Protein backbone atom coordinates (compact mmCIF):
# COMPACT_ATOMS: atom_id res chain seq x y z
CA MET A 1 -157.87 47.06 192.59
CA ILE A 2 -159.90 44.59 193.41
CA LYS A 3 -159.81 41.43 195.62
CA ILE A 4 -160.73 37.17 193.35
CA GLN A 5 -161.00 34.61 195.69
CA ASN A 6 -162.75 31.35 194.84
CA ASN A 7 -164.03 32.84 192.01
CA THR A 8 -165.77 35.80 194.17
CA ALA A 9 -164.76 39.30 193.32
CA THR A 10 -164.50 41.81 197.01
CA ARG A 11 -163.78 45.50 197.78
CA GLU A 12 -160.52 44.44 199.77
CA PRO A 13 -157.12 46.32 200.14
CA ILE A 14 -154.30 44.71 199.20
CA PRO A 15 -152.50 43.52 202.12
CA ASP A 16 -149.34 46.11 203.21
CA PHE A 17 -146.76 43.02 202.29
CA LEU A 18 -147.96 43.05 198.95
CA VAL A 19 -148.62 47.09 198.63
CA GLY A 20 -146.23 47.86 195.75
CA LEU A 21 -145.54 44.62 193.03
CA ALA A 22 -146.60 45.33 190.47
CA PRO A 23 -150.04 44.60 188.74
CA GLU A 24 -148.50 41.76 186.63
CA SER A 25 -147.65 40.19 190.17
CA LEU A 26 -150.67 40.81 191.84
CA ALA A 27 -153.20 38.83 189.21
CA ASP A 28 -152.09 35.54 190.67
CA LEU A 29 -150.57 35.22 193.74
CA SER A 30 -150.09 30.97 193.54
CA TRP A 31 -146.06 31.93 194.01
CA THR A 32 -146.70 33.38 197.25
CA ASP A 33 -145.82 31.46 201.02
CA PRO A 34 -149.50 29.83 201.51
CA ALA A 35 -148.77 30.56 205.04
CA LEU A 36 -149.49 34.25 204.24
CA GLY A 37 -153.16 33.68 203.19
CA VAL A 38 -153.15 34.76 200.20
CA SER A 39 -151.82 32.34 197.63
CA ASP A 40 -155.45 31.62 196.63
CA CYS A 41 -155.80 35.14 195.85
CA LYS A 42 -156.00 38.30 193.10
CA TRP A 43 -156.12 41.40 193.06
CA TRP A 44 -157.28 42.72 189.37
CA PRO A 45 -157.87 46.36 188.25
CA GLU A 46 -161.22 47.82 188.39
CA HIS A 47 -163.37 49.15 185.35
CA ASP A 48 -166.30 51.18 186.20
CA GLY A 49 -169.23 49.68 183.99
CA SER A 50 -171.80 51.77 185.42
CA ALA A 51 -173.87 53.91 183.29
CA SER A 52 -174.04 58.13 183.80
CA LEU A 53 -176.12 59.41 186.57
CA GLY A 54 -179.32 61.94 185.25
CA GLU A 55 -180.43 64.51 187.08
CA HIS A 56 -182.17 63.59 190.28
CA GLU A 57 -180.55 60.16 190.47
CA VAL A 58 -178.06 58.05 192.73
CA TYR A 59 -176.33 55.48 192.51
CA GLY A 60 -177.57 52.22 194.46
CA GLU A 61 -176.12 48.63 195.01
CA GLU A 62 -172.65 47.60 193.27
CA THR A 63 -172.01 44.59 191.19
CA LEU A 64 -168.87 43.20 190.64
CA THR A 65 -168.02 40.56 187.69
CA ILE A 66 -165.22 39.11 187.55
CA ASP A 67 -163.92 39.62 183.50
CA ALA A 68 -161.33 36.33 183.13
CA GLU A 69 -160.88 37.78 179.44
CA ASN A 70 -159.25 40.81 180.06
CA LYS A 71 -158.50 39.98 184.04
CA ARG A 72 -159.86 42.54 185.03
CA VAL A 73 -163.44 43.11 187.39
CA VAL A 74 -166.22 45.19 185.85
CA SER A 75 -167.90 46.98 188.66
CA SER A 76 -170.99 48.65 187.75
CA ARG A 77 -173.85 50.54 190.00
CA ALA A 78 -177.47 50.42 190.16
CA VAL A 79 -178.58 53.77 189.00
CA ILE A 80 -182.05 55.06 191.28
CA ALA A 81 -184.25 58.51 191.33
CA MET A 82 -183.57 60.16 193.85
CA THR A 83 -186.24 60.28 197.14
CA GLN A 84 -188.18 63.64 197.02
CA GLU A 85 -186.52 64.42 200.28
CA GLN A 86 -183.22 64.03 198.40
CA ILE A 87 -183.87 66.39 195.48
CA ASP A 88 -185.81 68.77 198.31
CA ALA A 89 -182.28 68.42 200.08
CA LEU A 90 -180.00 69.19 197.61
CA ALA A 91 -182.33 72.29 196.47
CA ALA A 92 -182.10 73.51 199.97
CA GLU A 93 -178.13 73.47 199.39
CA GLN A 94 -177.54 74.95 196.38
CA ALA A 95 -179.82 77.79 197.12
CA ALA A 96 -177.37 78.37 200.45
CA GLN A 97 -174.69 78.17 197.93
CA LEU A 98 -175.83 80.80 196.04
CA GLN A 99 -176.84 83.20 198.53
CA ALA A 100 -173.75 82.87 200.07
CA ARG A 101 -172.38 83.71 196.50
CA LYS A 102 -174.43 86.42 196.45
CA ASP A 103 -173.72 87.86 200.05
CA ALA A 104 -169.99 87.91 199.02
CA LEU A 105 -170.86 89.52 195.83
CA THR A 106 -172.30 92.19 197.82
CA VAL A 107 -169.75 93.08 200.09
CA GLN A 108 -167.27 92.83 197.57
CA ILE A 109 -169.61 95.47 195.35
CA THR A 110 -170.13 97.71 198.42
CA ALA A 111 -166.56 98.03 199.61
CA LEU A 112 -165.65 98.95 195.89
CA GLN A 113 -168.37 101.49 195.86
CA ASN A 114 -166.97 102.96 198.85
CA GLN A 115 -163.24 103.34 197.79
CA LEU A 116 -164.83 104.80 194.48
CA ALA A 117 -166.38 107.09 196.66
CA ALA A 118 -163.94 108.05 198.78
CA MET A 119 -161.82 109.05 195.17
CA GLU A 120 -163.83 111.95 194.25
């Protein structure tokens, strides 16, 4: 849920005293006591409108757009290319995971070969 106040959408959690209310109740809080400080706020559901990531892409800055017609907030994140440093770090992490898997399989194979040899 995304907070809307003064026609501006922001990522802000629902206050504890409103948690559990139905989305319909959160869509317009003008019914609340002004002393609570939320009577001019709304919390609308989020719809992710971000493009899918391709290889070596990451999400960048987020834009929140109020869709008043559908009473929701569309979030879209910019897609940016990874830096060479990020690509290298990702490749190193994948290589380390692959090597760890190979090492684990080698240990299992050795244990199975030892068991087989003990049976002869």
